[in-house]
Amino acid sequence: MKTDYKNLEALSDKKLRTLRNNLNNRIESFIKGGEKNLPPSHMLHGLDDGDCKNLLKEVLMEMKKRGGGEK
C-alpha cells in the first residue's frame, strides 16, 4: 500500500517530522549506496532517490508554512 503524499496539509506535525526524518535517512542511504529494499508497509516504499528529494522539498515547504521549518 503506497502512501499518498499529495495532501501534506492533512498530516499532523509529528507525522510530517517523521516523514522528513525518514526522507533524510533514505536520501543519505542512496548517497552511500547502502539503500535497502523497503517492505511494502514502509511509508517510503516505491520511492527512488529523485522522488525522495522532491518529496523532502515539499515537506520542508509545508513545515515552513506552519512555522516549524528548518532554520
N, C-alpha and C. Protein backbone atom coordinates (compact mmCIF):
# COMPACT_ATOMS: atom_id res chain seq x y z
N MET A 1 0.85 -1.18 0.00
CA MET A 1 0.00 0.00 0.00
C MET A 1 0.89 1.24 0.00
N LYS A 2 0.82 1.99 -1.07
CA LYS A 2 1.65 3.18 -1.20
C LYS A 2 0.93 4.37 -0.57
N THR A 3 1.68 5.14 0.21
CA THR A 3 1.10 6.30 0.87
C THR A 3 0.98 7.44 -0.14
N ASP A 4 -0.11 8.17 -0.06
CA ASP A 4 -0.34 9.30 -0.94
C ASP A 4 0.11 10.57 -0.23
N TYR A 5 1.06 11.27 -0.83
CA TYR A 5 1.63 12.46 -0.22
C TYR A 5 1.16 13.74 -0.90
N LYS A 6 0.04 13.69 -1.61
CA LYS A 6 -0.45 14.87 -2.31
C LYS A 6 -1.06 15.89 -1.37
N ASN A 7 -1.48 15.46 -0.19
CA ASN A 7 -2.12 16.37 0.74
C ASN A 7 -1.32 16.43 2.04
N LEU A 8 -0.15 17.06 1.98
CA LEU A 8 0.71 17.16 3.16
C LEU A 8 0.07 17.99 4.26
N GLU A 9 -0.83 18.90 3.87
CA GLU A 9 -1.50 19.75 4.86
C GLU A 9 -2.31 18.93 5.86
N ALA A 10 -2.75 17.74 5.43
CA ALA A 10 -3.59 16.91 6.29
C ALA A 10 -2.78 16.14 7.33
N LEU A 11 -1.46 16.07 7.14
CA LEU A 11 -0.63 15.33 8.08
C LEU A 11 -0.41 16.15 9.35
N SER A 12 -0.33 15.45 10.46
CA SER A 12 -0.04 16.13 11.73
C SER A 12 1.42 16.59 11.71
N ASP A 13 1.75 17.50 12.61
CA ASP A 13 3.14 17.98 12.71
C ASP A 13 4.09 16.82 12.99
N LYS A 14 3.68 15.93 13.88
CA LYS A 14 4.53 14.79 14.23
C LYS A 14 4.76 13.89 13.03
N LYS A 15 3.72 13.60 12.27
CA LYS A 15 3.83 12.75 11.09
C LYS A 15 4.72 13.41 10.04
N LEU A 16 4.61 14.72 9.91
CA LEU A 16 5.43 15.47 8.96
C LEU A 16 6.91 15.41 9.36
N ARG A 17 7.20 15.56 10.65
CA ARG A 17 8.59 15.46 11.12
C ARG A 17 9.14 14.05 10.90
N THR A 18 8.32 13.05 11.16
CA THR A 18 8.73 11.66 10.94
C THR A 18 9.04 11.43 9.47
N LEU A 19 8.19 11.95 8.61
CA LEU A 19 8.40 11.82 7.17
C LEU A 19 9.70 12.51 6.76
N ARG A 20 9.94 13.71 7.28
CA ARG A 20 11.17 14.44 6.97
C ARG A 20 12.40 13.63 7.39
N ASN A 21 12.36 13.09 8.59
CA ASN A 21 13.50 12.31 9.09
C ASN A 21 13.72 11.05 8.25
N ASN A 22 12.63 10.36 7.91
CA ASN A 22 12.75 9.16 7.08
C ASN A 22 13.30 9.50 5.70
N LEU A 23 12.86 10.61 5.14
CA LEU A 23 13.36 11.03 3.83
C LEU A 23 14.85 11.36 3.89
N ASN A 24 15.26 12.11 4.91
CA ASN A 24 16.68 12.43 5.06
C ASN A 24 17.52 11.16 5.18
N ASN A 25 17.07 10.21 5.97
CA ASN A 25 17.80 8.95 6.14
C ASN A 25 17.85 8.16 4.84
N ARG A 26 16.74 8.13 4.13
CA ARG A 26 16.67 7.37 2.86
C ARG A 26 17.59 8.00 1.82
N ILE A 27 17.59 9.32 1.71
CA ILE A 27 18.45 10.01 0.75
C ILE A 27 19.91 9.74 1.09
N GLU A 28 20.25 9.78 2.38
CA GLU A 28 21.62 9.50 2.81
C GLU A 28 22.03 8.08 2.43
N SER A 29 21.11 7.13 2.57
CA SER A 29 21.44 5.75 2.22
C SER A 29 21.63 5.60 0.70
N PHE A 30 20.88 6.36 -0.10
CA PHE A 30 21.10 6.34 -1.54
C PHE A 30 22.49 6.89 -1.88
N ILE A 31 22.89 7.96 -1.20
CA ILE A 31 24.19 8.58 -1.46
C ILE A 31 25.32 7.61 -1.11
N LYS A 32 25.17 6.92 0.01
CA LYS A 32 26.22 6.00 0.46
C LYS A 32 26.17 4.67 -0.29
N GLY A 33 25.11 4.43 -1.05
CA GLY A 33 25.00 3.19 -1.81
C GLY A 33 24.56 2.01 -0.97
N GLY A 34 24.02 2.26 0.20
CA GLY A 34 23.61 1.17 1.08
C GLY A 34 22.11 1.06 1.24
N GLU A 35 21.36 1.55 0.24
CA GLU A 35 19.91 1.53 0.40
C GLU A 35 19.39 0.10 0.38
N LYS A 36 18.39 -0.14 1.18
CA LYS A 36 17.77 -1.45 1.30
C LYS A 36 16.44 -1.43 0.57
N ASN A 37 15.98 -2.62 0.19
CA ASN A 37 14.63 -2.72 -0.34
C ASN A 37 13.66 -2.60 0.83
N LEU A 38 12.77 -1.64 0.72
CA LEU A 38 11.84 -1.40 1.82
C LEU A 38 10.62 -2.30 1.66
N PRO A 39 10.08 -2.76 2.78
CA PRO A 39 8.87 -3.59 2.71
C PRO A 39 7.69 -2.73 2.24
N PRO A 40 6.69 -3.36 1.64
CA PRO A 40 5.53 -2.60 1.14
C PRO A 40 4.83 -1.77 2.21
N SER A 41 4.98 -2.14 3.47
CA SER A 41 4.32 -1.40 4.55
C SER A 41 5.06 -0.12 4.92
N HIS A 42 6.29 0.06 4.44
CA HIS A 42 7.08 1.24 4.79
C HIS A 42 6.54 2.47 4.06
N MET A 43 6.56 3.61 4.74
CA MET A 43 5.97 4.84 4.18
C MET A 43 6.69 5.31 2.92
N LEU A 44 7.93 4.91 2.69
CA LEU A 44 8.67 5.36 1.52
C LEU A 44 8.84 4.27 0.46
N HIS A 45 8.13 3.17 0.62
CA HIS A 45 8.22 2.06 -0.33
C HIS A 45 7.88 2.56 -1.74
N GLY A 46 8.72 2.21 -2.70
CA GLY A 46 8.46 2.54 -4.09
C GLY A 46 9.02 3.88 -4.54
N LEU A 47 9.63 4.64 -3.63
CA LEU A 47 10.19 5.94 -4.00
C LEU A 47 11.68 5.79 -4.28
N ASP A 48 12.13 6.37 -5.39
CA ASP A 48 13.55 6.35 -5.69
C ASP A 48 14.21 7.62 -5.16
N ASP A 49 15.49 7.78 -5.46
CA ASP A 49 16.26 8.92 -4.94
C ASP A 49 15.62 10.25 -5.33
N GLY A 50 15.27 10.41 -6.58
CA GLY A 50 14.66 11.66 -7.05
C GLY A 50 13.31 11.93 -6.41
N ASP A 51 12.51 10.88 -6.26
CA ASP A 51 11.20 11.02 -5.61
C ASP A 51 11.37 11.50 -4.17
N CYS A 52 12.34 10.92 -3.47
CA CYS A 52 12.59 11.29 -2.07
C CYS A 52 13.03 12.75 -1.96
N LYS A 53 13.91 13.17 -2.85
CA LYS A 53 14.39 14.57 -2.82
C LYS A 53 13.26 15.55 -3.10
N ASN A 54 12.41 15.23 -4.08
CA ASN A 54 11.28 16.11 -4.39
C ASN A 54 10.29 16.17 -3.25
N LEU A 55 9.99 15.01 -2.66
CA LEU A 55 9.06 14.98 -1.54
C LEU A 55 9.63 15.73 -0.34
N LEU A 56 10.93 15.61 -0.10
CA LEU A 56 11.56 16.32 1.01
C LEU A 56 11.41 17.83 0.83
N LYS A 57 11.57 18.33 -0.39
CA LYS A 57 11.38 19.76 -0.64
C LYS A 57 9.96 20.18 -0.29
N GLU A 58 8.99 19.37 -0.69
CA GLU A 58 7.58 19.69 -0.39
C GLU A 58 7.31 19.65 1.11
N VAL A 59 7.87 18.66 1.79
CA VAL A 59 7.70 18.55 3.24
C VAL A 59 8.29 19.77 3.94
N LEU A 60 9.49 20.16 3.53
CA LEU A 60 10.14 21.32 4.16
C LEU A 60 9.35 22.60 3.91
N MET A 61 8.77 22.73 2.71
CA MET A 61 7.95 23.91 2.43
C MET A 61 6.70 23.91 3.31
N GLU A 62 6.09 22.75 3.51
CA GLU A 62 4.91 22.66 4.38
C GLU A 62 5.28 22.99 5.82
N MET A 63 6.42 22.50 6.27
CA MET A 63 6.86 22.79 7.64
C MET A 63 7.13 24.28 7.81
N LYS A 64 7.71 24.90 6.79
CA LYS A 64 7.98 26.33 6.86
C LYS A 64 6.67 27.12 6.91
N LYS A 65 5.67 26.67 6.14
CA LYS A 65 4.35 27.32 6.18
C LYS A 65 3.75 27.27 7.58
N ARG A 66 3.98 26.17 8.26
CA ARG A 66 3.44 26.01 9.61
C ARG A 66 4.30 26.71 10.67
N GLY A 67 5.46 27.19 10.27
CA GLY A 67 6.32 27.88 11.21
C GLY A 67 7.28 26.97 11.94
N GLY A 68 7.40 25.73 11.49
CA GLY A 68 8.30 24.80 12.16
C GLY A 68 9.36 24.26 11.25
N GLY A 69 9.71 24.99 10.20
CA GLY A 69 10.68 24.53 9.23
C GLY A 69 12.10 24.59 9.75
N GLU A 70 13.00 24.09 8.95
CA GLU A 70 14.42 24.10 9.30
C GLU A 70 14.91 25.54 9.36
N LYS A 71 15.82 25.79 10.27
CA LYS A 71 16.36 27.15 10.42
C LYS A 71 17.75 27.23 9.89
